[in-house]
Amino acid sequence: MNDSVKPDDIDPIIHERVRLAIVSALTVAPQLSFNELKATLGLSDGNLSAHSKSLEQAGYIKIEKTLKGRRSYTTMRLTHKGYDAFGRYVKTLRRIIDQGDNLTEK
């Protein structure tokens, strides 16, 4: 059985560097505010906003906007679909590493 990883096995939504950072952060912290994520990842408002929209459209994160006093307060969290997608992504990376290990052992 050929268990090699094909390019289509890597989730293109999560694989992008900024989106991977967002999903990774939300895996560790169940919910983060927009400003917490922005500061943690060193992103601009526009960059975080654009990438979080892509993740939300894929169903990987839930974005909730509320008011805190008179200010808008945005939080993000991973959905079940997002946790599953991240788990598959990590498994795919492990398969790639295992393939590399197998090549170096030969």
PDB file of N, CA and C in Angstrom:
ATOM      1  N   MET A   1       0.842  -1.189   0.000  1.00  0.00           N
ATOM      2  CA  MET A   1       0.000   0.000   0.000  1.00  0.00           C
ATOM      3  C   MET A   1       0.882   1.246   0.000  1.00  0.00           C
ATOM      4  N   ASN A   2       0.596   2.191  -0.881  1.00  0.00           N
ATOM      5  CA  ASN A   2       1.368   3.424  -0.983  1.00  0.00           C
ATOM      6  C   ASN A   2       0.727   4.476  -0.085  1.00  0.00           C
ATOM      7  N   ASP A   3       1.429   4.842   0.973  1.00  0.00           N
ATOM      8  CA  ASP A   3       0.899   5.813   1.940  1.00  0.00           C
ATOM      9  C   ASP A   3       1.584   7.170   1.796  1.00  0.00           C
ATOM     10  N   SER A   4       2.081   7.454   0.585  1.00  0.00           N
ATOM     11  CA  SER A   4       2.794   8.722   0.396  1.00  0.00           C
ATOM     12  C   SER A   4       1.806   9.886   0.391  1.00  0.00           C
ATOM     13  N   VAL A   5       2.300  11.026   0.807  1.00  0.00           N
ATOM     14  CA  VAL A   5       1.482  12.228   0.892  1.00  0.00           C
ATOM     15  C   VAL A   5       1.468  12.911  -0.471  1.00  0.00           C
ATOM     16  N   LYS A   6       0.264  13.283  -0.904  1.00  0.00           N
ATOM     17  CA  LYS A   6       0.087  13.996  -2.160  1.00  0.00           C
ATOM     18  C   LYS A   6      -0.175  15.466  -1.848  1.00  0.00           C
ATOM     19  N   PRO A   7       0.136  16.365  -2.766  1.00  0.00           N
ATOM     20  CA  PRO A   7      -0.093  17.793  -2.495  1.00  0.00           C
ATOM     21  C   PRO A   7      -1.518  18.113  -2.039  1.00  0.00           C
ATOM     22  N   ASP A   8      -2.507  17.389  -2.578  1.00  0.00           N
ATOM     23  CA  ASP A   8      -3.897  17.649  -2.199  1.00  0.00           C
ATOM     24  C   ASP A   8      -4.209  17.226  -0.763  1.00  0.00           C
ATOM     25  N   ASP A   9      -3.318  16.454  -0.139  1.00  0.00           N
ATOM     26  CA  ASP A   9      -3.531  16.020   1.246  1.00  0.00           C
ATOM     27  C   ASP A   9      -3.344  17.165   2.244  1.00  0.00           C
ATOM     28  N   ILE A  10      -2.642  18.205   1.843  1.00  0.00           N
ATOM     29  CA  ILE A  10      -2.368  19.337   2.740  1.00  0.00           C
ATOM     30  C   ILE A  10      -3.487  20.363   2.580  1.00  0.00           C
ATOM     31  N   ASP A  11      -4.157  20.679   3.680  1.00  0.00           N
ATOM     32  CA  ASP A  11      -5.268  21.629   3.676  1.00  0.00           C
ATOM     33  C   ASP A  11      -4.747  23.027   3.322  1.00  0.00           C
ATOM     34  N   PRO A  12      -5.123  23.570   2.155  1.00  0.00           N
ATOM     35  CA  PRO A  12      -4.598  24.873   1.738  1.00  0.00           C
ATOM     36  C   PRO A  12      -5.097  26.034   2.607  1.00  0.00           C
ATOM     37  N   ILE A  13      -6.235  25.852   3.255  1.00  0.00           N
ATOM     38  CA  ILE A  13      -6.747  26.913   4.129  1.00  0.00           C
ATOM     39  C   ILE A  13      -5.834  27.062   5.343  1.00  0.00           C
ATOM     40  N   ILE A  14      -5.508  25.972   5.992  1.00  0.00           N
ATOM     41  CA  ILE A  14      -4.682  26.012   7.201  1.00  0.00           C
ATOM     42  C   ILE A  14      -3.201  26.187   6.860  1.00  0.00           C
ATOM     43  N   HIS A  15      -2.761  25.698   5.720  1.00  0.00           N
ATOM     44  CA  HIS A  15      -1.333  25.663   5.411  1.00  0.00           C
ATOM     45  C   HIS A  15      -0.713  27.053   5.258  1.00  0.00           C
ATOM     46  N   GLU A  16      -1.494  28.045   4.926  1.00  0.00           N
ATOM     47  CA  GLU A  16      -0.964  29.403   4.792  1.00  0.00           C
ATOM     48  C   GLU A  16      -0.447  29.858   6.169  1.00  0.00           C
ATOM     49  N   ARG A  17       0.720  30.480   6.208  1.00  0.00           N
ATOM     50  CA  ARG A  17       1.430  30.795   7.449  1.00  0.00           C
ATOM     51  C   ARG A  17       0.591  31.529   8.491  1.00  0.00           C
ATOM     52  N   VAL A  18      -0.089  32.602   8.120  1.00  0.00           N
ATOM     53  CA  VAL A  18      -0.857  33.388   9.090  1.00  0.00           C
ATOM     54  C   VAL A  18      -2.067  32.596   9.585  1.00  0.00           C
ATOM     55  N   ARG A  19      -2.751  31.911   8.680  1.00  0.00           N
ATOM     56  CA  ARG A  19      -3.915  31.127   9.109  1.00  0.00           C
ATOM     57  C   ARG A  19      -3.496  29.969  10.005  1.00  0.00           C
ATOM     58  N   LEU A  20      -2.348  29.365   9.722  1.00  0.00           N
ATOM     59  CA  LEU A  20      -1.825  28.315  10.598  1.00  0.00           C
ATOM     60  C   LEU A  20      -1.537  28.879  11.989  1.00  0.00           C
ATOM     61  N   ALA A  21      -0.986  30.071  12.056  1.00  0.00           N
ATOM     62  CA  ALA A  21      -0.707  30.713  13.347  1.00  0.00           C
ATOM     63  C   ALA A  21      -2.003  30.990  14.111  1.00  0.00           C
ATOM     64  N   ILE A  22      -3.030  31.451  13.414  1.00  0.00           N
ATOM     65  CA  ILE A  22      -4.324  31.733  14.055  1.00  0.00           C
ATOM     66  C   ILE A  22      -4.922  30.449  14.617  1.00  0.00           C
ATOM     67  N   VAL A  23      -4.980  29.417  13.792  1.00  0.00           N
ATOM     68  CA  VAL A  23      -5.563  28.139  14.224  1.00  0.00           C
ATOM     69  C   VAL A  23      -4.749  27.544  15.373  1.00  0.00           C
ATOM     70  N   SER A  24      -3.425  27.616  15.287  1.00  0.00           N
ATOM     71  CA  SER A  24      -2.574  27.094  16.361  1.00  0.00           C
ATOM     72  C   SER A  24      -2.837  27.821  17.674  1.00  0.00           C
ATOM     73  N   ALA A  25      -2.941  29.136  17.616  1.00  0.00           N
ATOM     74  CA  ALA A  25      -3.219  29.917  18.830  1.00  0.00           C
ATOM     75  C   ALA A  25      -4.576  29.552  19.412  1.00  0.00           C
ATOM     76  N   LEU A  26      -5.578  29.370  18.554  1.00  0.00           N
ATOM     77  CA  LEU A  26      -6.919  29.038  19.030  1.00  0.00           C
ATOM     78  C   LEU A  26      -7.033  27.588  19.491  1.00  0.00           C
ATOM     79  N   THR A  27      -6.084  26.763  19.122  1.00  0.00           N
ATOM     80  CA  THR A  27      -6.056  25.393  19.626  1.00  0.00           C
ATOM     81  C   THR A  27      -5.634  25.401  21.096  1.00  0.00           C
ATOM     82  N   VAL A  28      -4.737  26.303  21.438  1.00  0.00           N
ATOM     83  CA  VAL A  28      -4.213  26.397  22.802  1.00  0.00           C
ATOM     84  C   VAL A  28      -5.162  27.172  23.712  1.00  0.00           C
ATOM     85  N   ALA A  29      -5.720  28.258  23.201  1.00  0.00           N
ATOM     86  CA  ALA A  29      -6.655  29.089  23.971  1.00  0.00           C
ATOM     87  C   ALA A  29      -8.042  28.935  23.357  1.00  0.00           C
ATOM     88  N   PRO A  30      -9.007  28.488  24.113  1.00  0.00           N
ATOM     89  CA  PRO A  30     -10.335  28.216  23.545  1.00  0.00           C
ATOM     90  C   PRO A  30     -10.979  29.419  22.849  1.00  0.00           C
ATOM     91  N   GLN A  31     -10.658  30.622  23.317  1.00  0.00           N
ATOM     92  CA  GLN A  31     -11.220  31.831  22.712  1.00  0.00           C
ATOM     93  C   GLN A  31     -10.247  32.972  22.929  1.00  0.00           C
ATOM     94  N   LEU A  32     -10.048  33.766  21.895  1.00  0.00           N
ATOM     95  CA  LEU A  32      -9.192  34.944  22.005  1.00  0.00           C
ATOM     96  C   LEU A  32      -9.898  36.128  21.361  1.00  0.00           C
ATOM     97  N   SER A  33      -9.628  37.308  21.890  1.00  0.00           N
ATOM     98  CA  SER A  33     -10.179  38.509  21.275  1.00  0.00           C
ATOM     99  C   SER A  33      -9.338  38.873  20.058  1.00  0.00           C
ATOM    100  N   PHE A  34      -9.904  39.686  19.213  1.00  0.00           N
ATOM    101  CA  PHE A  34      -9.203  40.165  18.018  1.00  0.00           C
ATOM    102  C   PHE A  34      -7.881  40.808  18.433  1.00  0.00           C
ATOM    103  N   ASN A  35      -7.925  41.668  19.449  1.00  0.00           N
ATOM    104  CA  ASN A  35      -6.715  42.373  19.879  1.00  0.00           C
ATOM    105  C   ASN A  35      -5.687  41.432  20.502  1.00  0.00           C
ATOM    106  N   GLU A  36      -6.137  40.413  21.218  1.00  0.00           N
ATOM    107  CA  GLU A  36      -5.205  39.431  21.783  1.00  0.00           C
ATOM    108  C   GLU A  36      -4.485  38.675  20.668  1.00  0.00           C
ATOM    109  N   LEU A  37      -5.239  38.221  19.675  1.00  0.00           N
ATOM    110  CA  LEU A  37      -4.634  37.515  18.542  1.00  0.00           C
ATOM    111  C   LEU A  37      -3.686  38.423  17.775  1.00  0.00           C
ATOM    112  N   LYS A  38      -4.112  39.650  17.541  1.00  0.00           N
ATOM    113  CA  LYS A  38      -3.293  40.608  16.803  1.00  0.00           C
ATOM    114  C   LYS A  38      -1.954  40.831  17.514  1.00  0.00           C
ATOM    115  N   ALA A  39      -1.997  41.028  18.829  1.00  0.00           N
ATOM    116  CA  ALA A  39      -0.775  41.253  19.599  1.00  0.00           C
ATOM    117  C   ALA A  39       0.082  39.994  19.681  1.00  0.00           C
ATOM    118  N   THR A  40      -0.543  38.854  19.919  1.00  0.00           N
ATOM    119  CA  THR A  40       0.183  37.588  20.048  1.00  0.00           C
ATOM    120  C   THR A  40       0.922  37.236  18.760  1.00  0.00           C
ATOM    121  N   LEU A  41       0.264  37.444  17.633  1.00  0.00           N
ATOM    122  CA  LEU A  41       0.831  37.032  16.348  1.00  0.00           C
ATOM    123  C   LEU A  41       1.566  38.153  15.623  1.00  0.00           C
ATOM    124  N   GLY A  42       1.496  39.373  16.156  1.00  0.00           N
ATOM    125  CA  GLY A  42       2.182  40.502  15.526  1.00  0.00           C
ATOM    126  C   GLY A  42       1.617  40.857  14.167  1.00  0.00           C
ATOM    127  N   LEU A  43       0.293  40.864  14.061  1.00  0.00           N
ATOM    128  CA  LEU A  43      -0.370  41.130  12.785  1.00  0.00           C
ATOM    129  C   LEU A  43      -1.010  42.510  12.772  1.00  0.00           C
ATOM    130  N   SER A  44      -1.235  43.020  11.582  1.00  0.00           N
ATOM    131  CA  SER A  44      -1.998  44.263  11.435  1.00  0.00           C
ATOM    132  C   SER A  44      -3.490  43.930  11.491  1.00  0.00           C
ATOM    133  N   ASP A  45      -4.303  44.958  11.717  1.00  0.00           N
ATOM    134  CA  ASP A  45      -5.756  44.753  11.728  1.00  0.00           C
ATOM    135  C   ASP A  45      -6.231  44.114  10.423  1.00  0.00           C
ATOM    136  N   GLY A  46      -5.780  44.665   9.301  1.00  0.00           N
ATOM    137  CA  GLY A  46      -6.222  44.183   8.001  1.00  0.00           C
ATOM    138  C   GLY A  46      -5.793  42.757   7.723  1.00  0.00           C
ATOM    139  N   ASN A  47      -4.574  42.417   8.103  1.00  0.00           N
ATOM    140  CA  ASN A  47      -4.063  41.076   7.876  1.00  0.00           C
ATOM    141  C   ASN A  47      -4.848  40.051   8.686  1.00  0.00           C
ATOM    142  N   LEU A  48      -5.039  40.323   9.969  1.00  0.00           N
ATOM    143  CA  LEU A  48      -5.809  39.414  10.818  1.00  0.00           C
ATOM    144  C   LEU A  48      -7.251  39.313  10.337  1.00  0.00           C
ATOM    145  N   SER A  49      -7.823  40.423   9.967  1.00  0.00           N
ATOM    146  CA  SER A  49      -9.210  40.435   9.509  1.00  0.00           C
ATOM    147  C   SER A  49      -9.385  39.596   8.245  1.00  0.00           C
ATOM    148  N   ALA A  50      -8.503  39.768   7.273  1.00  0.00           N
ATOM    149  CA  ALA A  50      -8.617  39.031   6.006  1.00  0.00           C
ATOM    150  C   ALA A  50      -8.447  37.528   6.227  1.00  0.00           C
ATOM    151  N   HIS A  51      -7.454  37.133   7.001  1.00  0.00           N
ATOM    152  CA  HIS A  51      -7.202  35.706   7.209  1.00  0.00           C
ATOM    153  C   HIS A  51      -8.275  35.059   8.093  1.00  0.00           C
ATOM    154  N   SER A  52      -8.764  35.796   9.074  1.00  0.00           N
ATOM    155  CA  SER A  52      -9.819  35.231   9.921  1.00  0.00           C
ATOM    156  C   SER A  52     -11.112  35.064   9.126  1.00  0.00           C
ATOM    157  N   LYS A  53     -11.357  35.952   8.166  1.00  0.00           N
ATOM    158  CA  LYS A  53     -12.526  35.801   7.289  1.00  0.00           C
ATOM    159  C   LYS A  53     -12.437  34.518   6.469  1.00  0.00           C
ATOM    160  N   SER A  54     -11.243  34.224   5.951  1.00  0.00           N
ATOM    161  CA  SER A  54     -11.053  32.992   5.177  1.00  0.00           C
ATOM    162  C   SER A  54     -11.320  31.768   6.044  1.00  0.00           C
ATOM    163  N   LEU A  55     -10.824  31.807   7.279  1.00  0.00           N
ATOM    164  CA  LEU A  55     -11.055  30.682   8.195  1.00  0.00           C
ATOM    165  C   LEU A  55     -12.530  30.561   8.567  1.00  0.00           C
ATOM    166  N   GLU A  56     -13.193  31.687   8.732  1.00  0.00           N
ATOM    167  CA  GLU A  56     -14.618  31.658   9.064  1.00  0.00           C
ATOM    168  C   GLU A  56     -15.432  31.116   7.885  1.00  0.00           C
ATOM    169  N   GLN A  57     -15.099  31.541   6.675  1.00  0.00           N
ATOM    170  CA  GLN A  57     -15.820  31.065   5.486  1.00  0.00           C
ATOM    171  C   GLN A  57     -15.649  29.562   5.301  1.00  0.00           C
ATOM    172  N   ALA A  58     -14.495  29.037   5.707  1.00  0.00           N
ATOM    173  CA  ALA A  58     -14.253  27.592   5.620  1.00  0.00           C
ATOM    174  C   ALA A  58     -14.956  26.842   6.751  1.00  0.00           C
ATOM    175  N   GLY A  59     -15.491  27.583   7.724  1.00  0.00           N
ATOM    176  CA  GLY A  59     -16.174  26.956   8.858  1.00  0.00           C
ATOM    177  C   GLY A  59     -15.221  26.521   9.962  1.00  0.00           C
ATOM    178  N   TYR A  60     -13.970  26.991   9.911  1.00  0.00           N
ATOM    179  CA  TYR A  60     -12.964  26.571  10.882  1.00  0.00           C
ATOM    180  C   TYR A  60     -12.975  27.393  12.171  1.00  0.00           C
ATOM    181  N   ILE A  61     -13.401  28.650  12.076  1.00  0.00           N
ATOM    182  CA  ILE A  61     -13.506  29.474  13.281  1.00  0.00           C
ATOM    183  C   ILE A  61     -14.856  30.160  13.327  1.00  0.00           C
ATOM    184  N   LYS A  62     -15.237  30.541  14.523  1.00  0.00           N
ATOM    185  CA  LYS A  62     -16.461  31.316  14.745  1.00  0.00           C
ATOM    186  C   LYS A  62     -16.018  32.687  15.230  1.00  0.00           C
ATOM    187  N   ILE A  63     -16.493  33.719  14.568  1.00  0.00           N
ATOM    188  CA  ILE A  63     -16.198  35.096  14.957  1.00  0.00           C
ATOM    189  C   ILE A  63     -17.464  35.692  15.554  1.00  0.00           C
ATOM    190  N   GLU A  64     -17.348  36.218  16.763  1.00  0.00           N
ATOM    191  CA  GLU A  64     -18.494  36.830  17.426  1.00  0.00           C
ATOM    192  C   GLU A  64     -18.173  38.286  17.758  1.00  0.00           C
ATOM    193  N   LYS A  65     -19.094  39.159  17.379  1.00  0.00           N
ATOM    194  CA  LYS A  65     -18.924  40.588  17.641  1.00  0.00           C
ATOM    195  C   LYS A  65     -19.985  41.031  18.631  1.00  0.00           C
ATOM    196  N   THR A  66     -19.521  41.655  19.711  1.00  0.00           N
ATOM    197  CA  THR A  66     -20.422  42.175  20.735  1.00  0.00           C
ATOM    198  C   THR A  66     -19.963  43.585  21.081  1.00  0.00           C
ATOM    199  N   LEU A  67     -20.667  44.186  22.002  1.00  0.00           N
ATOM    200  CA  LEU A  67     -20.267  45.496  22.503  1.00  0.00           C
ATOM    201  C   LEU A  67     -19.782  45.359  23.932  1.00  0.00           C
ATOM    202  N   LYS A  68     -18.685  46.022  24.227  1.00  0.00           N
ATOM    203  CA  LYS A  68     -18.178  46.144  25.593  1.00  0.00           C
ATOM    204  C   LYS A  68     -18.208  47.626  25.891  1.00  0.00           C
ATOM    205  N   GLY A  69     -19.228  48.023  26.660  1.00  0.00           N
ATOM    206  CA  GLY A  69     -19.434  49.456  26.827  1.00  0.00           C
ATOM    207  C   GLY A  69     -19.895  50.016  25.494  1.00  0.00           C
ATOM    208  N   ARG A  70     -19.160  50.974  24.973  1.00  0.00           N
ATOM    209  CA  ARG A  70     -19.491  51.567  23.679  1.00  0.00           C
ATOM    210  C   ARG A  70     -18.590  51.061  22.556  1.00  0.00           C
ATOM    211  N   ARG A  71     -17.705  50.152  22.896  1.00  0.00           N
ATOM    212  CA  ARG A  71     -16.728  49.670  21.916  1.00  0.00           C
ATOM    213  C   ARG A  71     -17.100  48.282  21.398  1.00  0.00           C
ATOM    214  N   SER A  72     -16.785  48.079  20.139  1.00  0.00           N
ATOM    215  CA  SER A  72     -16.981  46.763  19.532  1.00  0.00           C
ATOM    216  C   SER A  72     -15.931  45.808  20.088  1.00  0.00           C
ATOM    217  N   TYR A  73     -16.348  44.575  20.387  1.00  0.00           N
ATOM    218  CA  TYR A  73     -15.447  43.565  20.941  1.00  0.00           C
ATOM    219  C   TYR A  73     -15.618  42.293  20.129  1.00  0.00           C
ATOM    220  N   THR A  74     -14.554  41.868  19.478  1.00  0.00           N
ATOM    221  CA  THR A  74     -14.601  40.706  18.598  1.00  0.00           C
ATOM    222  C   THR A  74     -13.796  39.568  19.207  1.00  0.00           C
ATOM    223  N   THR A  75     -14.413  38.384  19.267  1.00  0.00           N
ATOM    224  CA  THR A  75     -13.713  37.197  19.750  1.00  0.00           C
ATOM    225  C   THR A  75     -13.750  36.120  18.670  1.00  0.00           C
ATOM    226  N   MET A  76     -12.779  35.227  18.756  1.00  0.00           N
ATOM    227  CA  MET A  76     -12.694  34.121  17.804  1.00  0.00           C
ATOM    228  C   MET A  76     -12.434  32.831  18.561  1.00  0.00           C
ATOM    229  N   ARG A  77     -13.008  31.751  18.036  1.00  0.00           N
ATOM    230  CA  ARG A  77     -12.758  30.432  18.608  1.00  0.00           C
ATOM    231  C   ARG A  77     -12.825  29.409  17.486  1.00  0.00           C
ATOM    232  N   LEU A  78     -12.157  28.268  17.708  1.00  0.00           N
ATOM    233  CA  LEU A  78     -12.211  27.183  16.731  1.00  0.00           C
ATOM    234  C   LEU A  78     -13.553  26.474  16.813  1.00  0.00           C
ATOM    235  N   THR A  79     -14.053  26.047  15.682  1.00  0.00           N
ATOM    236  CA  THR A  79     -15.257  25.221  15.639  1.00  0.00           C
ATOM    237  C   THR A  79     -14.822  23.753  15.679  1.00  0.00           C
ATOM    238  N   HIS A  80     -15.776  22.858  15.810  1.00  0.00           N
ATOM    239  CA  HIS A  80     -15.453  21.427  15.745  1.00  0.00           C
ATOM    240  C   HIS A  80     -14.796  21.094  14.406  1.00  0.00           C
ATOM    241  N   LYS A  81     -15.322  21.699  13.351  1.00  0.00           N
ATOM    242  CA  LYS A  81     -14.742  21.485  12.022  1.00  0.00           C
ATOM    243  C   LYS A  81     -13.291  21.974  11.988  1.00  0.00           C
ATOM    244  N   GLY A  82     -13.022  23.088  12.656  1.00  0.00           N
ATOM    245  CA  GLY A  82     -11.666  23.621  12.718  1.00  0.00           C
ATOM    246  C   GLY A  82     -10.714  22.716  13.477  1.00  0.00           C
ATOM    247  N   TYR A  83     -11.172  22.182  14.625  1.00  0.00           N
ATOM    248  CA  TYR A  83     -10.352  21.230  15.390  1.00  0.00           C
ATOM    249  C   TYR A  83     -10.055  19.992  14.554  1.00  0.00           C
ATOM    250  N   ASP A  84     -11.068  19.479  13.874  1.00  0.00           N
ATOM    251  CA  ASP A  84     -10.879  18.287  13.033  1.00  0.00           C
ATOM    252  C   ASP A  84      -9.895  18.569  11.900  1.00  0.00           C
ATOM    253  N   ALA A  85     -10.040  19.727  11.252  1.00  0.00           N
ATOM    254  CA  ALA A  85      -9.155  20.083  10.143  1.00  0.00           C
ATOM    255  C   ALA A  85      -7.713  20.232  10.632  1.00  0.00           C
ATOM    256  N   PHE A  86      -7.533  20.842  11.798  1.00  0.00           N
ATOM    257  CA  PHE A  86      -6.183  21.003  12.342  1.00  0.00           C
ATOM    258  C   PHE A  86      -5.582  19.641  12.693  1.00  0.00           C
ATOM    259  N   GLY A  87      -6.389  18.750  13.254  1.00  0.00           N
ATOM    260  CA  GLY A  87      -5.919  17.397  13.563  1.00  0.00           C
ATOM    261  C   GLY A  87      -5.469  16.660  12.315  1.00  0.00           C
ATOM    262  N   ARG A  88      -6.262  16.770  11.228  1.00  0.00           N
ATOM    263  CA  ARG A  88      -5.876  16.129   9.965  1.00  0.00           C
ATOM    264  C   ARG A  88      -4.590  16.749   9.411  1.00  0.00           C
ATOM    265  N   TYR A  89      -4.472  18.058   9.551  1.00  0.00           N
ATOM    266  CA  TYR A  89      -3.282  18.769   9.070  1.00  0.00           C
ATOM    267  C   TYR A  89      -2.032  18.259   9.796  1.00  0.00           C
ATOM    268  N   VAL A  90      -2.115  18.147  11.112  1.00  0.00           N
ATOM    269  CA  VAL A  90      -0.978  17.674  11.910  1.00  0.00           C
ATOM    270  C   VAL A  90      -0.630  16.231  11.529  1.00  0.00           C
ATOM    271  N   LYS A  91      -1.646  15.389  11.345  1.00  0.00           N
ATOM    272  CA  LYS A  91      -1.389  13.997  10.935  1.00  0.00           C
ATOM    273  C   LYS A  91      -0.687  13.942   9.578  1.00  0.00           C
ATOM    274  N   THR A  92      -1.091  14.803   8.666  1.00  0.00           N
ATOM    275  CA  THR A  92      -0.455  14.852   7.351  1.00  0.00           C
ATOM    276  C   THR A  92       1.010  15.256   7.485  1.00  0.00           C
ATOM    277  N   LEU A  93       1.287  16.247   8.329  1.00  0.00           N
ATOM    278  CA  LEU A  93       2.677  16.656   8.544  1.00  0.00           C
ATOM    279  C   LEU A  93       3.498  15.515   9.141  1.00  0.00           C
ATOM    280  N   ARG A  94       2.887  14.764  10.054  1.00  0.00           N
ATOM    281  CA  ARG A  94       3.590  13.608  10.641  1.00  0.00           C
ATOM    282  C   ARG A  94       3.913  12.564   9.573  1.00  0.00           C
ATOM    283  N   ARG A  95       2.978  12.359   8.647  1.00  0.00           N
ATOM    284  CA  ARG A  95       3.225  11.407   7.560  1.00  0.00           C
ATOM    285  C   ARG A  95       4.378  11.880   6.680  1.00  0.00           C
ATOM    286  N   ILE A  96       4.447  13.181   6.427  1.00  0.00           N
ATOM    287  CA  ILE A  96       5.537  13.742   5.622  1.00  0.00           C
ATOM    288  C   ILE A  96       6.869  13.526   6.344  1.00  0.00           C
ATOM    289  N   ILE A  97       6.890  13.784   7.640  1.00  0.00           N
ATOM    290  CA  ILE A  97       8.114  13.586   8.431  1.00  0.00           C
ATOM    291  C   ILE A  97       8.518  12.125   8.422  1.00  0.00           C
ATOM    292  N   ASP A  98       7.539  11.245   8.601  1.00  0.00           N
ATOM    293  CA  ASP A  98       7.841   9.805   8.581  1.00  0.00           C
ATOM    294  C   ASP A  98       8.407   9.382   7.227  1.00  0.00           C
ATOM    295  N   GLN A  99       7.859   9.913   6.150  1.00  0.00           N
ATOM    296  CA  GLN A  99       8.375   9.589   4.813  1.00  0.00           C
ATOM    297  C   GLN A  99       9.815  10.048   4.695  1.00  0.00           C
ATOM    298  N   GLY A 100      10.112  11.242   5.184  1.00  0.00           N
ATOM    299  CA  GLY A 100      11.474  11.755   5.143  1.00  0.00           C
ATOM    300  C   GLY A 100      12.423  10.907   5.949  1.00  0.00           C
ATOM    301  N   ASP A 101      11.964  10.472   7.129  1.00  0.00           N
ATOM    302  CA  ASP A 101      12.781   9.587   7.977  1.00  0.00           C
ATOM    303  C   ASP A 101      13.063   8.281   7.258  1.00  0.00           C
ATOM    304  N   ASN A 102      12.068   7.753   6.596  1.00  0.00           N
ATOM    305  CA  ASN A 102      12.243   6.488   5.867  1.00  0.00           C
ATOM    306  C   ASN A 102      13.245   6.635   4.726  1.00  0.00           C
ATOM    307  N   LEU A 103      13.255   7.796   4.085  1.00  0.00           N
ATOM    308  CA  LEU A 103      14.199   8.023   2.985  1.00  0.00           C
ATOM    309  C   LEU A 103      15.630   8.137   3.487  1.00  0.00           C
ATOM    310  N   THR A 104      15.807   8.792   4.649  1.00  0.00           N
ATOM    311  CA  THR A 104      17.168   8.982   5.174  1.00  0.00           C
ATOM    312  C   THR A 104      17.729   7.700   5.764  1.00  0.00           C
ATOM    313  N   GLU A 105      16.844   6.781   6.140  1.00  0.00           N
ATOM    314  CA  GLU A 105      17.299   5.508   6.726  1.00  0.00           C
ATOM    315  C   GLU A 105      17.777   4.535   5.661  1.00  0.00           C
ATOM    316  N   LYS A 106      17.435   4.769   4.408  1.00  0.00           N
ATOM    317  CA  LYS A 106      17.786   3.830   3.328  1.00  0.00           C
ATOM    318  C   LYS A 106      19.190   4.023   2.852  1.00  0.00           C
TER     319      LYS A 106
END
